[in-house]
Protein backbone atom coordinates (compact mmCIF):
# COMPACT_ATOMS: atom_id res chain seq x y z
CA UNK A 1 -54.73 -5.63 65.49
CA UNK A 2 -52.96 -8.93 66.10
CA UNK A 3 -54.71 -10.66 63.21
CA UNK A 4 -53.34 -8.11 60.78
CA UNK A 5 -49.74 -8.26 62.07
CA UNK A 6 -48.66 -11.43 60.16
CA UNK A 7 -50.05 -9.99 56.92
CA UNK A 8 -48.21 -6.70 57.47
CA UNK A 9 -44.92 -8.56 58.08
CA UNK A 10 -45.39 -10.55 54.86
CA UNK A 11 -46.04 -7.40 52.85
CA UNK A 12 -42.93 -5.71 54.26
CA UNK A 13 -40.82 -8.80 53.48
CA UNK A 14 -41.93 -8.84 49.82
CA UNK A 15 -41.24 -5.14 49.43
CA UNK A 16 -37.74 -5.60 50.89
CA UNK A 17 -36.93 -8.40 48.47
CA UNK A 18 -38.08 -6.35 45.49
CA UNK A 19 -35.98 -3.36 46.58
CA UNK A 20 -32.92 -5.53 47.13
CA UNK A 21 -33.40 -7.19 43.73
CA UNK A 22 -33.62 -3.84 41.98
CA UNK A 23 -30.56 -2.62 43.85
CA UNK A 24 -28.47 -5.56 42.60
CA UNK A 25 -29.50 -5.07 38.98
CA UNK A 26 -28.70 -1.35 39.12
CA UNK A 27 -25.38 -1.70 40.95
CA UNK A 28 -22.26 -1.09 38.86
CA UNK A 29 -20.37 -4.15 37.70
CA UNK A 30 -16.66 -4.64 37.28
CA UNK A 31 -14.82 -6.62 34.64
CA UNK A 32 -11.27 -7.51 33.74
CA UNK A 33 -9.37 -5.10 31.49
CA UNK A 34 -10.02 -5.66 27.79
CA UNK A 35 -7.76 -8.21 26.12
CA UNK A 36 -7.02 -8.92 22.52
CA UNK A 37 -7.30 -12.24 20.80
CA UNK A 38 -6.24 -13.66 17.49
CA UNK A 39 -2.86 -13.91 15.82
CA UNK A 40 0.30 -13.12 17.82
CA UNK A 41 1.19 -9.46 17.99
CA UNK A 42 4.14 -9.92 15.67
CA UNK A 43 2.20 -11.78 12.99
CA UNK A 44 2.61 -10.26 9.52
CA UNK A 45 -0.10 -8.25 7.80
CA UNK A 46 -2.63 -10.26 5.82
CA UNK A 47 -3.68 -8.85 2.46
CA UNK A 48 -6.83 -10.90 2.25
CA UNK A 49 -8.91 -8.90 4.72
CA UNK A 50 -8.89 -6.98 7.97
CA UNK A 51 -9.51 -8.40 11.43
CA UNK A 52 -12.28 -6.83 13.49
CA UNK A 53 -10.87 -3.94 15.53
CA UNK A 54 -10.00 -4.65 19.15
CA UNK A 55 -11.43 -2.71 22.07
CA UNK A 56 -9.11 0.22 22.78
CA UNK A 57 -6.71 -0.39 25.65
CA UNK A 58 -7.37 1.13 29.03
CA UNK A 59 -6.03 4.54 29.99
CA UNK A 60 -2.31 4.24 29.30
CA UNK A 61 0.14 3.86 32.14
CA UNK A 62 2.83 4.88 29.67
CA UNK A 63 2.82 6.95 26.49
CA UNK A 64 4.91 5.85 23.49
CA UNK A 65 6.00 8.63 21.14
CA UNK A 66 7.31 7.86 17.66
CA UNK A 67 8.26 9.64 14.45
CA UNK A 68 7.17 8.71 10.91
CA UNK A 69 9.28 9.64 7.84
CA UNK A 70 7.48 9.53 4.49
CA UNK A 71 8.63 10.65 1.03
CA UNK A 72 5.17 11.46 -0.39
CA UNK A 73 4.14 15.14 -0.27
CA UNK A 74 1.59 15.95 2.44
CA UNK A 75 -1.25 16.42 -0.07
CA UNK A 76 -0.79 12.98 -1.65
CA UNK A 77 -3.49 10.50 -0.66
CA UNK A 78 -0.85 8.06 0.61
CA UNK A 79 0.31 10.74 3.04
CA UNK A 80 -3.29 11.40 4.02
CA UNK A 81 -3.72 7.67 4.64
CA UNK A 82 -0.61 7.80 6.83
CA UNK A 83 -2.21 10.62 8.85
CA UNK A 84 -5.39 8.56 9.19
CA UNK A 85 -3.35 5.49 10.24
CA UNK A 86 -1.65 7.55 12.94
CA UNK A 87 -4.97 8.86 14.23
CA UNK A 88 -6.56 5.40 14.22
CA UNK A 89 -3.73 3.93 16.26
CA UNK A 90 -3.91 6.82 18.74
CA UNK A 91 -7.66 6.26 19.10
CA UNK A 92 -7.52 2.49 19.51
CA UNK A 93 -4.67 2.68 22.02
CA UNK A 94 -6.50 5.40 23.96
CA UNK A 95 -3.62 7.80 23.40
CA UNK A 96 -0.90 5.37 24.44
CA UNK A 97 0.78 5.61 21.02
CA UNK A 98 1.41 9.07 19.57
CA UNK A 99 3.20 9.50 16.25
CA UNK A 100 4.58 12.66 14.64
CA UNK A 101 4.42 12.56 10.83
CA UNK A 102 7.14 14.05 8.58
CA UNK A 103 5.93 13.83 4.94
CA UNK A 104 7.74 15.04 1.84
CA UNK A 105 11.09 13.60 2.90
CA UNK A 106 11.43 16.38 5.48
CA UNK A 107 13.05 14.11 8.09
CA UNK A 108 15.01 11.78 5.80
CA UNK A 109 15.23 11.79 1.97
CA UNK A 110 13.42 9.05 0.08
CA UNK A 111 16.48 6.88 -0.55
CA UNK A 112 17.61 7.18 3.09
CA UNK A 113 14.30 6.46 4.81
CA UNK A 114 14.97 2.75 5.38
CA UNK A 115 18.42 3.46 6.86
CA UNK A 116 16.82 6.19 8.95
CA UNK A 117 14.50 3.62 10.49
CA UNK A 118 17.24 1.09 11.21
CA UNK A 119 19.44 3.73 12.88
CA UNK A 120 16.60 5.35 14.83
CA UNK A 121 16.49 8.70 13.03
CA UNK A 122 12.81 7.88 12.57
CA UNK A 123 10.69 5.22 14.24
CA UNK A 124 8.63 4.43 11.13
CA UNK A 125 9.31 4.95 7.44
CA UNK A 126 7.53 4.75 4.08
CA UNK A 127 9.49 4.66 0.83
CA UNK A 128 10.20 2.64 -2.32
CA UNK A 129 12.14 -0.62 -2.60
CA UNK A 130 13.86 0.36 -5.85
CA UNK A 131 15.28 3.59 -4.40
CA UNK A 132 18.05 1.39 -3.01
CA UNK A 133 18.70 -1.01 -5.94
CA UNK A 134 20.02 -4.43 -5.02
CA UNK A 135 19.31 -4.10 -1.30
CA UNK A 136 15.99 -5.98 -1.43
CA UNK A 137 16.47 -8.62 -4.15
CA UNK A 138 13.41 -10.66 -3.22
CA UNK A 139 11.06 -7.68 -2.95
CA UNK A 140 12.41 -6.27 -6.23
CA UNK A 141 11.10 -9.37 -8.01
CA UNK A 142 7.59 -8.06 -7.25
CA UNK A 143 8.41 -4.92 -9.27
CA UNK A 144 9.16 -6.85 -12.46
CA UNK A 145 6.44 -7.17 -15.15
CA UNK A 146 3.87 -9.69 -13.90
CA UNK A 147 0.63 -8.54 -15.48
CA UNK A 148 -0.73 -6.39 -12.65
CA UNK A 149 -3.99 -4.87 -13.83
CA UNK A 150 -4.10 -2.20 -11.15
CA UNK A 151 -2.53 -0.81 -8.01
CA UNK A 152 -5.11 -2.76 -6.05
CA UNK A 153 -3.75 -6.01 -7.48
CA UNK A 154 -0.09 -5.01 -7.09
CA UNK A 155 -0.61 -3.98 -3.45
CA UNK A 156 -2.38 -7.19 -2.50
CA UNK A 157 0.24 -9.31 -4.25
CA UNK A 158 3.12 -7.44 -2.59
CA UNK A 159 1.75 -8.22 0.88
CA UNK A 160 0.94 -11.83 0.04
CA UNK A 161 4.48 -12.26 -1.26
CA UNK A 162 6.07 -10.94 1.93
CA UNK A 163 3.81 -13.03 4.15
CA UNK A 164 4.66 -16.16 2.17
CA UNK A 165 8.45 -15.83 2.04
CA UNK A 166 9.47 -13.43 4.88
CA UNK A 167 12.69 -12.51 3.05
CA UNK A 168 15.65 -12.03 5.36
CA UNK A 169 16.43 -8.68 3.73
CA UNK A 170 13.87 -7.12 6.12
CA UNK A 171 15.14 -8.78 9.29
CA UNK A 172 16.61 -5.53 10.63
CA UNK A 173 13.16 -3.86 10.87
CA UNK A 174 9.62 -4.77 11.80
CA UNK A 175 7.54 -4.81 8.62
CA UNK A 176 4.17 -3.11 8.97
CA UNK A 177 2.90 -3.53 5.39
CA UNK A 178 3.55 -2.86 1.70
CA UNK A 179 1.70 -1.06 -1.11
CA UNK A 180 2.38 -0.68 -4.84
CA UNK A 181 1.22 1.53 -7.70
CA UNK A 182 -0.60 0.47 -10.86
CA UNK A 183 1.27 -0.80 -13.91
CA UNK A 184 3.56 1.46 -15.87
CA UNK A 185 2.28 2.17 -19.39
CA UNK A 186 3.59 4.02 -22.44
CA UNK A 187 2.90 7.74 -22.92
CA UNK A 188 3.81 9.46 -26.18
CA UNK A 189 3.51 13.01 -27.40
CA UNK A 190 3.38 12.63 -31.20
CA UNK A 191 3.36 8.97 -32.26
CA UNK A 192 0.54 6.60 -31.30
CA UNK A 193 1.96 3.23 -30.22
CA UNK A 194 -0.32 0.53 -31.60
CA UNK A 195 2.18 -2.28 -32.17
CA UNK A 196 5.62 -3.31 -31.01
CA UNK A 197 7.33 -1.91 -34.10
CA UNK A 198 6.06 1.59 -33.24
CA UNK A 199 8.39 1.67 -30.23
CA UNK A 200 11.47 1.78 -32.42
CA UNK A 201 13.01 5.23 -32.52
CA UNK A 202 11.06 6.45 -29.48
CA UNK A 203 13.06 8.12 -26.70
CA UNK A 204 11.25 7.15 -23.52
CA UNK A 205 11.82 8.50 -20.02
CA UNK A 206 12.23 5.57 -17.69
CA UNK A 207 14.16 4.48 -14.62
CA UNK A 208 15.02 1.21 -12.89
CA UNK A 209 12.97 -1.74 -14.13
CA UNK A 210 11.13 0.62 -16.48
CA UNK A 211 14.36 1.47 -18.29
CA UNK A 212 15.04 -2.20 -18.98
CA UNK A 213 11.49 -2.66 -20.24
CA UNK A 214 11.70 0.35 -22.56
CA UNK A 215 14.93 -0.97 -24.08
CA UNK A 216 13.53 -4.48 -24.46
CA UNK A 217 10.55 -3.04 -26.35
CA UNK A 218 12.86 -1.33 -28.85
CA UNK A 219 12.86 2.23 -27.50
CA UNK A 220 15.82 4.26 -26.28
CA UNK A 221 15.70 4.85 -22.55
CA UNK A 222 16.23 8.30 -21.06
CA UNK A 223 16.90 8.41 -17.33
CA UNK A 224 14.97 11.24 -15.68
CA UNK A 225 12.79 11.75 -12.63
CA UNK A 226 9.06 12.42 -12.90
CA UNK A 227 9.51 16.07 -12.03
CA UNK A 228 11.60 16.47 -15.21
CA UNK A 229 9.32 14.56 -17.58
CA UNK A 230 6.85 17.38 -18.34
CA UNK A 231 9.53 19.79 -19.54
CA UNK A 232 11.44 17.11 -21.45
CA UNK A 233 8.31 16.07 -23.35
CA UNK A 234 7.12 19.63 -23.96
CA UNK A 235 10.49 20.54 -25.46
CA UNK A 236 10.71 17.40 -27.58
CA UNK A 237 13.85 16.13 -25.86
CA UNK A 238 12.01 12.85 -25.29
CA UNK A 239 9.06 11.43 -27.18
CA UNK A 240 7.34 9.85 -24.22
CA UNK A 241 7.56 8.11 -20.89
CA UNK A 242 7.01 4.71 -19.29
CA UNK A 243 5.10 5.56 -16.12
CA UNK A 244 2.10 4.72 -13.95
CA UNK A 245 -1.02 6.50 -15.21
CA UNK A 246 -1.31 8.42 -11.96
CA UNK A 247 1.34 10.95 -13.09
CA UNK A 248 -0.87 12.22 -15.93
CA UNK A 249 -2.78 14.12 -13.29
CA UNK A 250 -0.43 14.20 -10.31
CA UNK A 251 2.39 15.67 -12.37
CA UNK A 252 0.12 17.33 -14.97
CA UNK A 253 1.69 15.31 -17.78
CA UNK A 254 -1.69 15.00 -19.52
CA UNK A 255 -1.06 18.53 -20.76
CA UNK A 256 1.77 17.32 -23.03
CA UNK A 257 0.92 13.63 -23.57
CA UNK A 258 -1.42 12.83 -26.48
CA UNK A 259 -1.42 9.02 -26.47
CA UNK A 260 -1.56 6.41 -23.72
CA UNK A 261 -0.88 2.81 -24.69
CA UNK A 262 -2.21 0.44 -22.05
CA UNK A 263 0.42 -2.28 -22.22
CA UNK A 264 -0.73 -3.51 -18.82
CA UNK A 265 0.70 -7.02 -19.02
CA UNK A 266 4.26 -5.69 -19.26
CA UNK A 267 3.73 -2.90 -16.78
CA UNK A 268 6.14 -2.81 -13.86
CA UNK A 269 5.17 -1.63 -10.39
CA UNK A 270 7.00 0.13 -7.56
CA UNK A 271 6.89 -1.88 -4.35
CA UNK A 272 6.69 0.44 -1.32
CA UNK A 273 7.38 -0.46 2.29
CA UNK A 274 6.10 0.79 5.62
CA UNK A 275 8.49 -0.43 8.33
CA UNK A 276 9.28 0.27 11.97
CA UNK A 277 12.48 0.32 14.00
CA UNK A 278 12.79 -3.17 15.45
CA UNK A 279 13.81 -2.25 18.98
CA UNK A 280 11.08 0.38 19.22
CA UNK A 281 8.51 -2.16 18.06
CA UNK A 282 9.80 -4.66 20.65
CA UNK A 283 9.39 -2.00 23.35
CA UNK A 284 5.62 -2.03 22.90
CA UNK A 285 3.43 -4.29 25.06
CA UNK A 286 1.68 -7.17 23.25
CA UNK A 287 -1.81 -5.62 23.34
CA UNK A 288 -0.60 -2.47 21.59
CA UNK A 289 1.39 -4.51 19.06
CA UNK A 290 -1.79 -6.42 18.29
CA UNK A 291 -3.79 -3.24 17.74
CA UNK A 292 -1.18 -1.82 15.36
CA UNK A 293 -1.08 -5.10 13.43
CA UNK A 294 -4.87 -5.04 13.02
CA UNK A 295 -4.79 -1.44 11.77
CA UNK A 296 -2.03 -2.40 9.32
CA UNK A 297 -4.24 -5.15 7.90
CA UNK A 298 -7.01 -2.65 7.25
CA UNK A 299 -4.70 -0.06 5.70
CA UNK A 300 -3.36 -2.50 3.08
CA UNK A 301 -6.67 -2.41 1.25
CA UNK A 302 -7.03 1.33 1.74
CA UNK A 303 -3.72 1.95 -0.06
CA UNK A 304 -4.70 -0.59 -2.71
CA UNK A 305 -7.87 1.36 -3.40
CA UNK A 306 -6.10 4.72 -3.41
CA UNK A 307 -3.63 3.57 -6.08
CA UNK A 308 -6.42 2.34 -8.34
CA UNK A 309 -8.37 5.53 -7.69
CA UNK A 310 -5.39 7.60 -8.76
CA UNK A 311 -5.05 5.74 -12.05
CA UNK A 312 -8.73 6.10 -12.91
CA UNK A 313 -8.84 9.74 -11.87
CA UNK A 314 -5.75 10.44 -13.97
CA UNK A 315 -7.24 8.81 -17.06
CA UNK A 316 -10.48 10.75 -16.59
CA UNK A 317 -8.40 13.91 -16.35
CA UNK A 318 -6.40 12.94 -19.46
CA UNK A 319 -9.59 12.58 -21.50
CA UNK A 320 -10.73 16.11 -20.61
CA UNK A 321 -8.11 17.40 -23.07
CA UNK A 322 -8.94 17.52 -26.80
CA UNK A 323 -7.54 15.02 -29.28
CA UNK A 324 -6.36 12.54 -26.67
CA UNK A 325 -6.40 8.79 -27.35
CA UNK A 326 -6.18 5.70 -25.17
CA UNK A 327 -4.90 2.62 -27.01
CA UNK A 328 -5.72 -0.82 -25.59
CA UNK A 329 -3.53 -3.45 -27.20
CA UNK A 330 -5.46 -6.46 -28.54
CA UNK A 331 -4.59 -9.83 -26.94
CA UNK A 332 -2.36 -11.09 -29.76
CA UNK A 333 -0.35 -7.87 -29.81
CA UNK A 334 -0.14 -7.82 -26.02
CA UNK A 335 1.27 -11.36 -26.14
CA UNK A 336 4.07 -10.13 -28.42
CA UNK A 337 5.02 -7.46 -25.86
CA UNK A 338 4.99 -9.98 -23.02
CA UNK A 339 7.28 -12.31 -24.97
CA UNK A 340 9.63 -9.40 -25.65
CA UNK A 341 10.16 -8.52 -21.99
CA UNK A 342 10.03 -12.03 -20.52
CA UNK A 343 13.81 -12.49 -20.81
CA UNK A 344 14.23 -9.62 -18.32
CA UNK A 345 12.24 -11.51 -15.71
CA UNK A 346 14.02 -14.78 -16.45
CA UNK A 347 17.43 -13.14 -16.06
CA UNK A 348 16.41 -11.57 -12.76
CA UNK A 349 15.15 -14.93 -11.49
CA UNK A 350 18.49 -16.47 -12.42
CA UNK A 351 20.45 -13.65 -10.79
CA UNK A 352 18.71 -13.85 -7.42
CA UNK A 353 18.79 -17.66 -7.48
CA UNK A 354 22.58 -17.31 -7.55
CA UNK A 355 22.23 -15.34 -4.30
CA UNK A 356 20.52 -18.31 -2.65
CA UNK A 357 16.91 -17.18 -2.99
CA UNK A 358 14.16 -19.66 -4.00
CA UNK A 359 13.41 -17.54 -7.06
CA UNK A 360 11.59 -20.24 -9.08
CA UNK A 361 9.20 -20.82 -6.19
CA UNK A 362 8.79 -17.08 -5.71
CA UNK A 363 8.00 -16.51 -9.38
CA UNK A 364 5.46 -19.33 -9.43
CA UNK A 365 3.79 -17.89 -6.33
CA UNK A 366 3.69 -14.39 -7.84
CA UNK A 367 2.04 -15.67 -11.01
CA UNK A 368 -0.65 -17.45 -8.96
CA UNK A 369 -1.36 -14.43 -6.75
CA UNK A 370 -1.51 -12.02 -9.69
CA UNK A 371 -4.05 -14.27 -11.36
CA UNK A 372 -6.04 -14.51 -8.13
CA UNK A 373 -6.13 -10.77 -7.44
CA UNK A 374 -6.73 -9.81 -11.06
CA UNK A 375 -9.90 -11.91 -10.78
CA UNK A 376 -10.85 -10.54 -7.34
CA UNK A 377 -10.09 -6.85 -7.85
CA UNK A 378 -12.82 -4.37 -6.97
CA UNK A 379 -14.24 -2.26 -9.79
CA UNK A 380 -12.84 1.21 -10.42
CA UNK A 381 -16.26 2.80 -9.88
CA UNK A 382 -16.68 1.14 -6.50
CA UNK A 383 -13.18 2.18 -5.49
CA UNK A 384 -13.75 5.77 -6.61
CA UNK A 385 -16.87 6.01 -4.46
CA UNK A 386 -15.06 4.52 -1.46
CA UNK A 387 -12.12 6.93 -1.73
CA UNK A 388 -14.44 9.91 -2.23
CA UNK A 389 -16.47 8.92 0.84
CA UNK A 390 -13.72 7.77 3.18
CA UNK A 391 -10.35 9.39 2.52
CA UNK A 392 -10.02 12.87 3.96
CA UNK A 393 -8.71 15.35 1.42
C-alpha cells in the first residue's frame, strides 16, 4: 500500500491544479466602465465621414430629458431621420438621454425655432437659415448660387463651411449639424425655357435668394409660399416657379408643371440648422456629449442622401405624367445663366465684408468644397437604394 501512496498523491495534485486552472478561466472578470476616445465632446460635426460608434454608456445615474422642435411635417423623411436620431441617441446612451419630438412646427413656428432654442422653449431645433433673413450672414452665403449639383453636395458643403469658419452668429447655441436641399430649378406651365431670353415675361414664384435669381434672369418674381404655388400655377396667375425639384412630388406640383429646366449651376439652396440650447448641452457629461457628436456626424450623410433621394423621386414622379419635358441646358447656355446671376453673389460678398466677415476667403472655400463634393457625390441610384433600405417610412 505504501508504494502506491506517492503515486496517488501526485495524481491528486495534478487533478487539483487542473480544476483550479479551469475555475480561473471560467470566473467572471471585471473591467473599468467604457470610455470614449477621439475628438473632444464639443468638437464640430465632420461632413467627411462618421466616427465608429462608441460603446453605450453604463446604466445611467441620471436621465436627461429634452424637447426637439422641427418645422417639417411628421411624414417628411427629414422628420423621420430626426426620430431615428432620437432613438439612436437613446440607445447609445442606454436611456440616459430621452428626447420628445415636436414636428410640424407644433412647439414653435418655423421662423421662431432658433429663438425657441436660445430661450429654452425647446432644447433642440431644426429650421431654415433664411427664415430669419440677415441674422446669419455667413451661413446665408452658402444659400447663394454656387453650382450645387444635389442636396448631397449642398449638405456636405454646408457642414464643411461651418467647421472651417465657426461663424460667431451661432455662438448662442451648440451647433449639432446642418443639411441643405438640392438646387432650385425653373418650373413652367406653358413655355419651355431653353435659353436665357425665354425667361423674359415669365412670372415666377420665388422667395429670398430665389427671388433675386429670378429677377436677374429676366423674369418677374412673385412672392408666395410653396403651399400656394399649385393653385397659382393652375389658375395661370403665375407661369412657373423657382424651386427645388423635391416639391414636384412633395407638393404635387408635377400635376400642373409641364417643363423643368435644370439650371443647376445657378440653383440656390436652403441651409438648414439643427442646434441645441447651449446651457442644456453644457449640462451633459463629456461621454454623452461625445456620443451625440458621433451620431451627428453619421446623420449629416443620411440627410444628404435623403435630399438627393427626394429630388430623384420627384423627377421620376414628374415623368409619369404625359407630355412632360426635362430640359438640360448645354454648357455654353449654362455659362450665360451663371454670368447673369454672378453679380448677386458678388454684391452679397461685398455686403457681408462690410460687416467684418472674411467673405472673400469664405467664397473661395465654398467654391473649392463645391468642386470637391460635386466630384465625390454618390450616384442617385445608390442613394435611392440606401434610403429605401434604411430610412423607416
